[in-house]
Amino acid sequence: MKRLLSTLLVVAAPALAEEPVIENVTATRTAPETYRFDVTIRHPDTGWDHYADGWRVLDMNGNELGMRVLFHPHVNEQPFTRSLDGVKIPSGTTQVQVQARDLPAGWSADATVIDLR
């Protein structure tokens, strides 16, 4: 029985390891130092135990400028787009990063760089 359980865990691990993929980001300036971000994510959400549960905007040094929490799975809506208004971007900033997160793995290793010029 232990061997069967170990085998099942090994087979299931790759599906759980799949990170959210940021497919598109639109950054729209709404005021001199404020932006709206529309982010499209694809992730193999399976339910409340495994889903893309957020994304954030970072400066190029990794400092968080804004975060969008996703409060529920999007099992039947892939890819999906969600927005975040009111993100303050310091004057002179020409690029930011967008990074996605999933439950239970946490933040993706990769971030998408967005040119604000």
PDB file of N, CA and C in Angstrom:
ATOM      1  N   MET A   1       0.823  -1.193   0.000  1.00  0.00           N
ATOM      2  CA  MET A   1       0.000   0.000   0.000  1.00  0.00           C
ATOM      3  C   MET A   1       0.868   1.259   0.000  1.00  0.00           C
ATOM      4  N   LYS A   2       1.974   1.254   0.799  1.00  0.00           N
ATOM      5  CA  LYS A   2       2.858   2.413   0.832  1.00  0.00           C
ATOM      6  C   LYS A   2       3.459   2.673  -0.545  1.00  0.00           C
ATOM      7  N   ARG A   3       3.844   1.592  -1.228  1.00  0.00           N
ATOM      8  CA  ARG A   3       4.449   1.736  -2.559  1.00  0.00           C
ATOM      9  C   ARG A   3       3.434   2.341  -3.539  1.00  0.00           C
ATOM     10  N   LEU A   4       2.187   1.924  -3.486  1.00  0.00           N
ATOM     11  CA  LEU A   4       1.150   2.460  -4.360  1.00  0.00           C
ATOM     12  C   LEU A   4       0.941   3.943  -4.079  1.00  0.00           C
ATOM     13  N   LEU A   5       0.877   4.326  -2.818  1.00  0.00           N
ATOM     14  CA  LEU A   5       0.696   5.722  -2.448  1.00  0.00           C
ATOM     15  C   LEU A   5       1.866   6.565  -2.939  1.00  0.00           C
ATOM     16  N   SER A   6       3.094   6.081  -2.786  1.00  0.00           N
ATOM     17  CA  SER A   6       4.270   6.803  -3.267  1.00  0.00           C
ATOM     18  C   SER A   6       4.214   6.984  -4.772  1.00  0.00           C
ATOM     19  N   THR A   7       3.809   5.958  -5.491  1.00  0.00           N
ATOM     20  CA  THR A   7       3.693   6.031  -6.936  1.00  0.00           C
ATOM     21  C   THR A   7       2.649   7.055  -7.343  1.00  0.00           C
ATOM     22  N   LEU A   8       1.512   7.080  -6.669  1.00  0.00           N
ATOM     23  CA  LEU A   8       0.463   8.042  -6.974  1.00  0.00           C
ATOM     24  C   LEU A   8       0.941   9.470  -6.725  1.00  0.00           C
ATOM     25  N   LEU A   9       1.681   9.701  -5.669  1.00  0.00           N
ATOM     26  CA  LEU A   9       2.193  11.038  -5.375  1.00  0.00           C
ATOM     27  C   LEU A   9       3.186  11.497  -6.430  1.00  0.00           C
ATOM     28  N   VAL A  10       4.030  10.604  -6.899  1.00  0.00           N
ATOM     29  CA  VAL A  10       4.995  10.958  -7.937  1.00  0.00           C
ATOM     30  C   VAL A  10       4.279  11.289  -9.238  1.00  0.00           C
ATOM     31  N   VAL A  11       3.256  10.524  -9.596  1.00  0.00           N
ATOM     32  CA  VAL A  11       2.506  10.760 -10.822  1.00  0.00           C
ATOM     33  C   VAL A  11       1.740  12.078 -10.739  1.00  0.00           C
ATOM     34  N   ALA A  12       1.199  12.431  -9.570  1.00  0.00           N
ATOM     35  CA  ALA A  12       0.407  13.649  -9.421  1.00  0.00           C
ATOM     36  C   ALA A  12       1.266  14.897  -9.317  1.00  0.00           C
ATOM     37  N   ALA A  13       2.497  14.790  -8.907  1.00  0.00           N
ATOM     38  CA  ALA A  13       3.351  15.956  -8.658  1.00  0.00           C
ATOM     39  C   ALA A  13       3.513  16.881  -9.862  1.00  0.00           C
ATOM     40  N   PRO A  14       3.749  16.395 -11.096  1.00  0.00           N
ATOM     41  CA  PRO A  14       3.931  17.316 -12.206  1.00  0.00           C
ATOM     42  C   PRO A  14       2.723  18.218 -12.451  1.00  0.00           C
ATOM     43  N   ALA A  15       1.512  17.716 -12.284  1.00  0.00           N
ATOM     44  CA  ALA A  15       0.320  18.529 -12.505  1.00  0.00           C
ATOM     45  C   ALA A  15       0.251  19.661 -11.493  1.00  0.00           C
ATOM     46  N   LEU A  16       0.638  19.395 -10.260  1.00  0.00           N
ATOM     47  CA  LEU A  16       0.598  20.425  -9.237  1.00  0.00           C
ATOM     48  C   LEU A  16       1.736  21.427  -9.393  1.00  0.00           C
ATOM     49  N   ALA A  17       2.786  21.056 -10.102  1.00  0.00           N
ATOM     50  CA  ALA A  17       3.950  21.911 -10.227  1.00  0.00           C
ATOM     51  C   ALA A  17       3.791  22.968 -11.316  1.00  0.00           C
ATOM     52  N   GLU A  18       2.761  22.889 -12.124  1.00  0.00           N
ATOM     53  CA  GLU A  18       2.594  23.824 -13.221  1.00  0.00           C
ATOM     54  C   GLU A  18       2.272  25.223 -12.705  1.00  0.00           C
ATOM     55  N   GLU A  19       3.130  26.191 -13.057  1.00  0.00           N
ATOM     56  CA  GLU A  19       2.967  27.561 -12.584  1.00  0.00           C
ATOM     57  C   GLU A  19       1.965  28.315 -13.456  1.00  0.00           C
ATOM     58  N   PRO A  20       1.379  29.373 -12.903  1.00  0.00           N
ATOM     59  CA  PRO A  20       0.523  30.232 -13.726  1.00  0.00           C
ATOM     60  C   PRO A  20       1.358  30.895 -14.819  1.00  0.00           C
ATOM     61  N   VAL A  21       0.769  31.047 -15.979  1.00  0.00           N
ATOM     62  CA  VAL A  21       1.439  31.685 -17.107  1.00  0.00           C
ATOM     63  C   VAL A  21       0.743  33.015 -17.381  1.00  0.00           C
ATOM     64  N   ILE A  22       1.526  34.080 -17.397  1.00  0.00           N
ATOM     65  CA  ILE A  22       0.994  35.390 -17.756  1.00  0.00           C
ATOM     66  C   ILE A  22       1.007  35.479 -19.273  1.00  0.00           C
ATOM     67  N   GLU A  23      -0.182  35.537 -19.874  1.00  0.00           N
ATOM     68  CA  GLU A  23      -0.280  35.561 -21.334  1.00  0.00           C
ATOM     69  C   GLU A  23      -0.277  36.969 -21.904  1.00  0.00           C
ATOM     70  N   ASN A  24      -0.783  37.940 -21.128  1.00  0.00           N
ATOM     71  CA  ASN A  24      -0.836  39.307 -21.633  1.00  0.00           C
ATOM     72  C   ASN A  24      -0.933  40.276 -20.464  1.00  0.00           C
ATOM     73  N   VAL A  25      -0.323  41.443 -20.636  1.00  0.00           N
ATOM     74  CA  VAL A  25      -0.441  42.524 -19.663  1.00  0.00           C
ATOM     75  C   VAL A  25      -0.634  43.823 -20.433  1.00  0.00           C
ATOM     76  N   THR A  26      -1.643  44.589 -20.036  1.00  0.00           N
ATOM     77  CA  THR A  26      -1.835  45.931 -20.565  1.00  0.00           C
ATOM     78  C   THR A  26      -1.714  46.894 -19.404  1.00  0.00           C
ATOM     79  N   ALA A  27      -0.804  47.851 -19.530  1.00  0.00           N
ATOM     80  CA  ALA A  27      -0.619  48.888 -18.518  1.00  0.00           C
ATOM     81  C   ALA A  27      -1.101  50.204 -19.109  1.00  0.00           C
ATOM     82  N   THR A  28      -2.063  50.831 -18.442  1.00  0.00           N
ATOM     83  CA  THR A  28      -2.649  52.080 -18.925  1.00  0.00           C
ATOM     84  C   THR A  28      -2.424  53.169 -17.888  1.00  0.00           C
ATOM     85  N   ARG A  29      -1.787  54.248 -18.302  1.00  0.00           N
ATOM     86  CA  ARG A  29      -1.566  55.375 -17.395  1.00  0.00           C
ATOM     87  C   ARG A  29      -2.902  56.078 -17.160  1.00  0.00           C
ATOM     88  N   THR A  30      -3.277  56.234 -15.894  1.00  0.00           N
ATOM     89  CA  THR A  30      -4.553  56.873 -15.552  1.00  0.00           C
ATOM     90  C   THR A  30      -4.363  58.232 -14.882  1.00  0.00           C
ATOM     91  N   ALA A  31      -3.148  58.534 -14.452  1.00  0.00           N
ATOM     92  CA  ALA A  31      -2.771  59.816 -13.847  1.00  0.00           C
ATOM     93  C   ALA A  31      -1.253  59.909 -13.991  1.00  0.00           C
ATOM     94  N   PRO A  32      -0.651  61.056 -13.640  1.00  0.00           N
ATOM     95  CA  PRO A  32       0.801  61.191 -13.846  1.00  0.00           C
ATOM     96  C   PRO A  32       1.653  60.042 -13.305  1.00  0.00           C
ATOM     97  N   GLU A  33       1.346  59.495 -12.149  1.00  0.00           N
ATOM     98  CA  GLU A  33       2.142  58.390 -11.600  1.00  0.00           C
ATOM     99  C   GLU A  33       1.273  57.189 -11.216  1.00  0.00           C
ATOM    100  N   THR A  34       0.143  57.040 -11.868  1.00  0.00           N
ATOM    101  CA  THR A  34      -0.796  55.969 -11.524  1.00  0.00           C
ATOM    102  C   THR A  34      -1.183  55.191 -12.780  1.00  0.00           C
ATOM    103  N   TYR A  35      -1.241  53.852 -12.628  1.00  0.00           N
ATOM    104  CA  TYR A  35      -1.558  52.970 -13.749  1.00  0.00           C
ATOM    105  C   TYR A  35      -2.654  51.984 -13.390  1.00  0.00           C
ATOM    106  N   ARG A  36      -3.316  51.502 -14.432  1.00  0.00           N
ATOM    107  CA  ARG A  36      -4.234  50.361 -14.339  1.00  0.00           C
ATOM    108  C   ARG A  36      -3.559  49.218 -15.089  1.00  0.00           C
ATOM    109  N   PHE A  37      -3.566  48.029 -14.473  1.00  0.00           N
ATOM    110  CA  PHE A  37      -2.994  46.840 -15.100  1.00  0.00           C
ATOM    111  C   PHE A  37      -4.099  45.831 -15.352  1.00  0.00           C
ATOM    112  N   ASP A  38      -4.176  45.338 -16.590  1.00  0.00           N
ATOM    113  CA  ASP A  38      -5.077  44.256 -16.978  1.00  0.00           C
ATOM    114  C   ASP A  38      -4.180  43.069 -17.311  1.00  0.00           C
ATOM    115  N   VAL A  39      -4.321  41.996 -16.537  1.00  0.00           N
ATOM    116  CA  VAL A  39      -3.419  40.848 -16.645  1.00  0.00           C
ATOM    117  C   VAL A  39      -4.221  39.596 -17.004  1.00  0.00           C
ATOM    118  N   THR A  40      -3.783  38.918 -18.057  1.00  0.00           N
ATOM    119  CA  THR A  40      -4.402  37.662 -18.488  1.00  0.00           C
ATOM    120  C   THR A  40      -3.503  36.510 -18.060  1.00  0.00           C
ATOM    121  N   ILE A  41      -4.095  35.568 -17.330  1.00  0.00           N
ATOM    122  CA  ILE A  41      -3.366  34.419 -16.777  1.00  0.00           C
ATOM    123  C   ILE A  41      -4.012  33.127 -17.252  1.00  0.00           C
ATOM    124  N   ARG A  42      -3.156  32.137 -17.507  1.00  0.00           N
ATOM    125  CA  ARG A  42      -3.619  30.773 -17.777  1.00  0.00           C
ATOM    126  C   ARG A  42      -2.996  29.874 -16.708  1.00  0.00           C
ATOM    127  N   HIS A  43      -3.833  29.025 -16.118  1.00  0.00           N
ATOM    128  CA  HIS A  43      -3.358  28.100 -15.080  1.00  0.00           C
ATOM    129  C   HIS A  43      -4.328  26.923 -15.002  1.00  0.00           C
ATOM    130  N   PRO A  44      -3.827  25.714 -14.812  1.00  0.00           N
ATOM    131  CA  PRO A  44      -4.721  24.548 -14.742  1.00  0.00           C
ATOM    132  C   PRO A  44      -5.409  24.446 -13.374  1.00  0.00           C
ATOM    133  N   ASP A  45      -6.247  25.438 -13.054  1.00  0.00           N
ATOM    134  CA  ASP A  45      -6.980  25.405 -11.784  1.00  0.00           C
ATOM    135  C   ASP A  45      -7.800  24.123 -11.687  1.00  0.00           C
ATOM    136  N   THR A  46      -7.741  23.482 -10.524  1.00  0.00           N
ATOM    137  CA  THR A  46      -8.526  22.259 -10.320  1.00  0.00           C
ATOM    138  C   THR A  46      -9.601  22.439  -9.246  1.00  0.00           C
ATOM    139  N   GLY A  47      -9.561  23.533  -8.522  1.00  0.00           N
ATOM    140  CA  GLY A  47     -10.513  23.773  -7.442  1.00  0.00           C
ATOM    141  C   GLY A  47      -9.847  24.561  -6.326  1.00  0.00           C
ATOM    142  N   TRP A  48     -10.460  24.555  -5.153  1.00  0.00           N
ATOM    143  CA  TRP A  48     -10.012  25.381  -4.036  1.00  0.00           C
ATOM    144  C   TRP A  48      -8.629  25.013  -3.511  1.00  0.00           C
ATOM    145  N   ASP A  49      -8.154  23.795  -3.768  1.00  0.00           N
ATOM    146  CA  ASP A  49      -6.834  23.385  -3.281  1.00  0.00           C
ATOM    147  C   ASP A  49      -5.701  23.724  -4.238  1.00  0.00           C
ATOM    148  N   HIS A  50      -6.034  24.074  -5.484  1.00  0.00           N
ATOM    149  CA  HIS A  50      -4.996  24.362  -6.482  1.00  0.00           C
ATOM    150  C   HIS A  50      -5.549  25.318  -7.525  1.00  0.00           C
ATOM    151  N   TYR A  51      -5.194  26.613  -7.369  1.00  0.00           N
ATOM    152  CA  TYR A  51      -5.636  27.616  -8.339  1.00  0.00           C
ATOM    153  C   TYR A  51      -4.721  28.833  -8.304  1.00  0.00           C
ATOM    154  N   ALA A  52      -4.740  29.607  -9.395  1.00  0.00           N
ATOM    155  CA  ALA A  52      -3.990  30.867  -9.441  1.00  0.00           C
ATOM    156  C   ALA A  52      -4.714  31.834  -8.508  1.00  0.00           C
ATOM    157  N   ASP A  53      -4.026  32.275  -7.452  1.00  0.00           N
ATOM    158  CA  ASP A  53      -4.722  33.074  -6.430  1.00  0.00           C
ATOM    159  C   ASP A  53      -4.229  34.512  -6.318  1.00  0.00           C
ATOM    160  N   GLY A  54      -3.411  34.963  -7.286  1.00  0.00           N
ATOM    161  CA  GLY A  54      -3.027  36.363  -7.260  1.00  0.00           C
ATOM    162  C   GLY A  54      -1.935  36.704  -8.246  1.00  0.00           C
ATOM    163  N   TRP A  55      -1.728  37.996  -8.409  1.00  0.00           N
ATOM    164  CA  TRP A  55      -0.606  38.509  -9.187  1.00  0.00           C
ATOM    165  C   TRP A  55      -0.218  39.859  -8.621  1.00  0.00           C
ATOM    166  N   ARG A  56       1.040  40.270  -8.882  1.00  0.00           N
ATOM    167  CA  ARG A  56       1.510  41.538  -8.342  1.00  0.00           C
ATOM    168  C   ARG A  56       2.399  42.259  -9.343  1.00  0.00           C
ATOM    169  N   VAL A  57       2.460  43.586  -9.141  1.00  0.00           N
ATOM    170  CA  VAL A  57       3.328  44.445  -9.935  1.00  0.00           C
ATOM    171  C   VAL A  57       4.529  44.780  -9.062  1.00  0.00           C
ATOM    172  N   LEU A  58       5.722  44.577  -9.616  1.00  0.00           N
ATOM    173  CA  LEU A  58       6.971  44.836  -8.907  1.00  0.00           C
ATOM    174  C   LEU A  58       7.802  45.842  -9.684  1.00  0.00           C
ATOM    175  N   ASP A  59       8.609  46.641  -8.968  1.00  0.00           N
ATOM    176  CA  ASP A  59       9.593  47.436  -9.688  1.00  0.00           C
ATOM    177  C   ASP A  59      10.724  46.493 -10.103  1.00  0.00           C
ATOM    178  N   MET A  60      11.714  46.996 -10.795  1.00  0.00           N
ATOM    179  CA  MET A  60      12.777  46.141 -11.320  1.00  0.00           C
ATOM    180  C   MET A  60      13.733  45.667 -10.225  1.00  0.00           C
ATOM    181  N   ASN A  61      13.585  46.198  -9.001  1.00  0.00           N
ATOM    182  CA  ASN A  61      14.369  45.721  -7.856  1.00  0.00           C
ATOM    183  C   ASN A  61      13.596  44.705  -7.020  1.00  0.00           C
ATOM    184  N   GLY A  62      12.369  44.379  -7.444  1.00  0.00           N
ATOM    185  CA  GLY A  62      11.568  43.395  -6.726  1.00  0.00           C
ATOM    186  C   GLY A  62      10.677  43.959  -5.637  1.00  0.00           C
ATOM    187  N   ASN A  63      10.562  45.286  -5.545  1.00  0.00           N
ATOM    188  CA  ASN A  63       9.671  45.900  -4.555  1.00  0.00           C
ATOM    189  C   ASN A  63       8.238  45.883  -5.063  1.00  0.00           C
ATOM    190  N   GLU A  64       7.314  45.460  -4.224  1.00  0.00           N
ATOM    191  CA  GLU A  64       5.918  45.356  -4.615  1.00  0.00           C
ATOM    192  C   GLU A  64       5.271  46.734  -4.705  1.00  0.00           C
ATOM    193  N   LEU A  65       4.643  47.009  -5.863  1.00  0.00           N
ATOM    194  CA  LEU A  65       3.950  48.270  -6.101  1.00  0.00           C
ATOM    195  C   LEU A  65       2.435  48.111  -6.012  1.00  0.00           C
ATOM    196  N   GLY A  66       1.940  46.909  -6.227  1.00  0.00           N
ATOM    197  CA  GLY A  66       0.511  46.636  -6.162  1.00  0.00           C
ATOM    198  C   GLY A  66       0.273  45.143  -6.265  1.00  0.00           C
ATOM    199  N   MET A  67      -0.851  44.692  -5.699  1.00  0.00           N
ATOM    200  CA  MET A  67      -1.173  43.263  -5.735  1.00  0.00           C
ATOM    201  C   MET A  67      -2.663  43.058  -5.954  1.00  0.00           C
ATOM    202  N   ARG A  68      -2.991  42.076  -6.798  1.00  0.00           N
ATOM    203  CA  ARG A  68      -4.382  41.693  -7.067  1.00  0.00           C
ATOM    204  C   ARG A  68      -4.583  40.288  -6.526  1.00  0.00           C
ATOM    205  N   VAL A  69      -5.421  40.164  -5.516  1.00  0.00           N
ATOM    206  CA  VAL A  69      -5.758  38.852  -4.958  1.00  0.00           C
ATOM    207  C   VAL A  69      -6.909  38.275  -5.776  1.00  0.00           C
ATOM    208  N   LEU A  70      -6.798  36.995  -6.116  1.00  0.00           N
ATOM    209  CA  LEU A  70      -7.861  36.269  -6.824  1.00  0.00           C
ATOM    210  C   LEU A  70      -8.513  35.352  -5.801  1.00  0.00           C
ATOM    211  N   PHE A  71      -9.771  35.602  -5.505  1.00  0.00           N
ATOM    212  CA  PHE A  71     -10.430  34.973  -4.370  1.00  0.00           C
ATOM    213  C   PHE A  71     -11.065  33.620  -4.636  1.00  0.00           C
ATOM    214  N   HIS A  72     -11.050  33.158  -5.891  1.00  0.00           N
ATOM    215  CA  HIS A  72     -11.664  31.861  -6.190  1.00  0.00           C
ATOM    216  C   HIS A  72     -11.013  31.236  -7.415  1.00  0.00           C
ATOM    217  N   PRO A  73     -11.161  29.919  -7.573  1.00  0.00           N
ATOM    218  CA  PRO A  73     -10.609  29.237  -8.746  1.00  0.00           C
ATOM    219  C   PRO A  73     -11.340  29.650 -10.032  1.00  0.00           C
ATOM    220  N   HIS A  74     -10.653  29.503 -11.141  1.00  0.00           N
ATOM    221  CA  HIS A  74     -11.219  29.787 -12.465  1.00  0.00           C
ATOM    222  C   HIS A  74     -11.129  28.520 -13.316  1.00  0.00           C
ATOM    223  N   VAL A  75     -11.706  27.445 -12.795  1.00  0.00           N
ATOM    224  CA  VAL A  75     -11.613  26.130 -13.440  1.00  0.00           C
ATOM    225  C   VAL A  75     -12.169  26.169 -14.862  1.00  0.00           C
ATOM    226  N   ASN A  76     -13.310  26.815 -15.052  1.00  0.00           N
ATOM    227  CA  ASN A  76     -13.977  26.828 -16.356  1.00  0.00           C
ATOM    228  C   ASN A  76     -13.796  28.134 -17.113  1.00  0.00           C
ATOM    229  N   GLU A  77     -12.844  28.952 -16.701  1.00  0.00           N
ATOM    230  CA  GLU A  77     -12.587  30.231 -17.362  1.00  0.00           C
ATOM    231  C   GLU A  77     -11.072  30.364 -17.567  1.00  0.00           C
ATOM    232  N   GLN A  78     -10.588  29.833 -18.660  1.00  0.00           N
ATOM    233  CA  GLN A  78      -9.153  29.848 -18.939  1.00  0.00           C
ATOM    234  C   GLN A  78      -8.914  30.275 -20.378  1.00  0.00           C
ATOM    235  N   PRO A  79      -8.020  31.191 -20.640  1.00  0.00           N
ATOM    236  CA  PRO A  79      -7.386  32.042 -19.640  1.00  0.00           C
ATOM    237  C   PRO A  79      -8.399  33.058 -19.116  1.00  0.00           C
ATOM    238  N   PHE A  80      -8.016  33.796 -18.098  1.00  0.00           N
ATOM    239  CA  PHE A  80      -8.896  34.824 -17.542  1.00  0.00           C
ATOM    240  C   PHE A  80      -8.109  36.111 -17.334  1.00  0.00           C
ATOM    241  N   THR A  81      -8.817  37.242 -17.384  1.00  0.00           N
ATOM    242  CA  THR A  81      -8.195  38.555 -17.223  1.00  0.00           C
ATOM    243  C   THR A  81      -8.811  39.259 -16.023  1.00  0.00           C
ATOM    244  N   ARG A  82      -7.941  39.816 -15.174  1.00  0.00           N
ATOM    245  CA  ARG A  82      -8.396  40.615 -14.033  1.00  0.00           C
ATOM    246  C   ARG A  82      -7.573  41.896 -13.994  1.00  0.00           C
ATOM    247  N   SER A  83      -8.144  42.938 -13.416  1.00  0.00           N
ATOM    248  CA  SER A  83      -7.536  44.262 -13.419  1.00  0.00           C
ATOM    249  C   SER A  83      -7.202  44.740 -12.019  1.00  0.00           C
ATOM    250  N   LEU A  84      -6.287  45.711 -11.978  1.00  0.00           N
ATOM    251  CA  LEU A  84      -5.924  46.388 -10.738  1.00  0.00           C
ATOM    252  C   LEU A  84      -5.707  47.856 -11.070  1.00  0.00           C
ATOM    253  N   ASP A  85      -6.516  48.714 -10.457  1.00  0.00           N
ATOM    254  CA  ASP A  85      -6.413  50.158 -10.654  1.00  0.00           C
ATOM    255  C   ASP A  85      -5.593  50.785  -9.535  1.00  0.00           C
ATOM    256  N   GLY A  86      -5.118  51.997  -9.798  1.00  0.00           N
ATOM    257  CA  GLY A  86      -4.496  52.797  -8.752  1.00  0.00           C
ATOM    258  C   GLY A  86      -3.092  52.384  -8.351  1.00  0.00           C
ATOM    259  N   VAL A  87      -2.366  51.731  -9.249  1.00  0.00           N
ATOM    260  CA  VAL A  87      -0.997  51.312  -8.922  1.00  0.00           C
ATOM    261  C   VAL A  87      -0.077  52.517  -9.092  1.00  0.00           C
ATOM    262  N   LYS A  88       0.544  52.935  -7.999  1.00  0.00           N
ATOM    263  CA  LYS A  88       1.470  54.078  -8.015  1.00  0.00           C
ATOM    264  C   LYS A  88       2.827  53.618  -8.544  1.00  0.00           C
ATOM    265  N   ILE A  89       3.263  54.266  -9.615  1.00  0.00           N
ATOM    266  CA  ILE A  89       4.546  53.968 -10.228  1.00  0.00           C
ATOM    267  C   ILE A  89       5.430  55.210 -10.062  1.00  0.00           C
ATOM    268  N   PRO A  90       6.559  55.072  -9.394  1.00  0.00           N
ATOM    269  CA  PRO A  90       7.426  56.234  -9.179  1.00  0.00           C
ATOM    270  C   PRO A  90       7.830  56.921 -10.488  1.00  0.00           C
ATOM    271  N   SER A  91       7.889  58.241 -10.452  1.00  0.00           N
ATOM    272  CA  SER A  91       8.300  59.035 -11.606  1.00  0.00           C
ATOM    273  C   SER A  91       9.651  58.540 -12.130  1.00  0.00           C
ATOM    274  N   GLY A  92       9.760  58.453 -13.449  1.00  0.00           N
ATOM    275  CA  GLY A  92      10.997  58.015 -14.076  1.00  0.00           C
ATOM    276  C   GLY A  92      11.092  56.522 -14.294  1.00  0.00           C
ATOM    277  N   THR A  93      10.146  55.755 -13.757  1.00  0.00           N
ATOM    278  CA  THR A  93      10.156  54.301 -13.936  1.00  0.00           C
ATOM    279  C   THR A  93       9.753  53.974 -15.367  1.00  0.00           C
ATOM    280  N   THR A  94      10.566  53.185 -16.051  1.00  0.00           N
ATOM    281  CA  THR A  94      10.273  52.837 -17.443  1.00  0.00           C
ATOM    282  C   THR A  94       9.860  51.383 -17.614  1.00  0.00           C
ATOM    283  N   GLN A  95      10.140  50.538 -16.612  1.00  0.00           N
ATOM    284  CA  GLN A  95       9.761  49.124 -16.683  1.00  0.00           C
ATOM    285  C   GLN A  95       9.312  48.646 -15.308  1.00  0.00           C
ATOM    286  N   VAL A  96       8.380  47.703 -15.329  1.00  0.00           N
ATOM    287  CA  VAL A  96       7.959  46.997 -14.120  1.00  0.00           C
ATOM    288  C   VAL A  96       7.872  45.519 -14.462  1.00  0.00           C
ATOM    289  N   GLN A  97       7.655  44.699 -13.438  1.00  0.00           N
ATOM    290  CA  GLN A  97       7.483  43.263 -13.619  1.00  0.00           C
ATOM    291  C   GLN A  97       6.100  42.867 -13.091  1.00  0.00           C
ATOM    292  N   VAL A  98       5.510  41.860 -13.703  1.00  0.00           N
ATOM    293  CA  VAL A  98       4.272  41.278 -13.196  1.00  0.00           C
ATOM    294  C   VAL A  98       4.559  39.811 -12.911  1.00  0.00           C
ATOM    295  N   GLN A  99       4.192  39.377 -11.715  1.00  0.00           N
ATOM    296  CA  GLN A  99       4.469  38.014 -11.254  1.00  0.00           C
ATOM    297  C   GLN A  99       3.175  37.389 -10.750  1.00  0.00           C
ATOM    298  N   ALA A 100       2.918  36.151 -11.123  1.00  0.00           N
ATOM    299  CA  ALA A 100       1.700  35.443 -10.722  1.00  0.00           C
ATOM    300  C   ALA A 100       1.990  34.476  -9.574  1.00  0.00           C
ATOM    301  N   ARG A 101       0.923  34.098  -8.872  1.00  0.00           N
ATOM    302  CA  ARG A 101       1.032  33.193  -7.719  1.00  0.00           C
ATOM    303  C   ARG A 101      -0.071  32.142  -7.813  1.00  0.00           C
ATOM    304  N   ASP A 102       0.233  30.945  -7.306  1.00  0.00           N
ATOM    305  CA  ASP A 102      -0.823  29.935  -7.197  1.00  0.00           C
ATOM    306  C   ASP A 102      -0.785  29.290  -5.820  1.00  0.00           C
ATOM    307  N   LEU A 103      -1.918  28.728  -5.473  1.00  0.00           N
ATOM    308  CA  LEU A 103      -2.060  27.971  -4.243  1.00  0.00           C
ATOM    309  C   LEU A 103      -1.956  26.503  -4.639  1.00  0.00           C
ATOM    310  N   PRO A 104      -1.062  25.728  -4.108  1.00  0.00           N
ATOM    311  CA  PRO A 104      -0.290  25.930  -2.892  1.00  0.00           C
ATOM    312  C   PRO A 104       1.174  26.330  -3.115  1.00  0.00           C
ATOM    313  N   ALA A 105       1.633  26.445  -4.371  1.00  0.00           N
ATOM    314  CA  ALA A 105       3.067  26.591  -4.651  1.00  0.00           C
ATOM    315  C   ALA A 105       3.647  27.968  -4.336  1.00  0.00           C
ATOM    316  N   GLY A 106       2.842  29.013  -4.407  1.00  0.00           N
ATOM    317  CA  GLY A 106       3.346  30.356  -4.140  1.00  0.00           C
ATOM    318  C   GLY A 106       3.708  31.086  -5.420  1.00  0.00           C
ATOM    319  N   TRP A 107       4.595  32.078  -5.287  1.00  0.00           N
ATOM    320  CA  TRP A 107       4.964  32.937  -6.409  1.00  0.00           C
ATOM    321  C   TRP A 107       5.733  32.175  -7.474  1.00  0.00           C
ATOM    322  N   SER A 108       5.435  32.459  -8.730  1.00  0.00           N
ATOM    323  CA  SER A 108       6.156  31.870  -9.857  1.00  0.00           C
ATOM    324  C   SER A 108       7.606  32.315  -9.831  1.00  0.00           C
ATOM    325  N   ALA A 109       8.467  31.483 -10.356  1.00  0.00           N
ATOM    326  CA  ALA A 109       9.888  31.824 -10.421  1.00  0.00           C
ATOM    327  C   ALA A 109      10.135  32.951 -11.416  1.00  0.00           C
ATOM    328  N   ASP A 110       9.325  33.023 -12.463  1.00  0.00           N
ATOM    329  CA  ASP A 110       9.504  34.019 -13.513  1.00  0.00           C
ATOM    330  C   ASP A 110       8.517  35.169 -13.360  1.00  0.00           C
ATOM    331  N   ALA A 111       8.926  36.321 -13.865  1.00  0.00           N
ATOM    332  CA  ALA A 111       8.054  37.490 -13.920  1.00  0.00           C
ATOM    333  C   ALA A 111       8.096  38.024 -15.353  1.00  0.00           C
ATOM    334  N   THR A 112       7.036  38.682 -15.762  1.00  0.00           N
ATOM    335  CA  THR A 112       6.944  39.285 -17.095  1.00  0.00           C
ATOM    336  C   THR A 112       7.317  40.753 -16.989  1.00  0.00           C
ATOM    337  N   VAL A 113       8.277  41.188 -17.784  1.00  0.00           N
ATOM    338  CA  VAL A 113       8.712  42.580 -17.771  1.00  0.00           C
ATOM    339  C   VAL A 113       7.818  43.394 -18.719  1.00  0.00           C
ATOM    340  N   ILE A 114       7.348  44.527 -18.212  1.00  0.00           N
ATOM    341  CA  ILE A 114       6.448  45.412 -18.979  1.00  0.00           C
ATOM    342  C   ILE A 114       7.139  46.752 -19.176  1.00  0.00           C
ATOM    343  N   ASP A 115       7.202  47.191 -20.431  1.00  0.00           N
ATOM    344  CA  ASP A 115       7.790  48.492 -20.753  1.00  0.00           C
ATOM    345  C   ASP A 115       6.690  49.546 -20.650  1.00  0.00           C
ATOM    346  N   LEU A 116       6.886  50.566 -19.854  1.00  0.00           N
ATOM    347  CA  LEU A 116       5.880  51.611 -19.645  1.00  0.00           C
ATOM    348  C   LEU A 116       6.049  52.810 -20.582  1.00  0.00           C
ATOM    349  N   ARG A 117       7.065  52.788 -21.398  1.00  0.00           N
ATOM    350  CA  ARG A 117       7.285  53.927 -22.315  1.00  0.00           C
ATOM    351  C   ARG A 117       6.315  53.925 -23.448  1.00  0.00           C
TER     352      ARG A 117
END
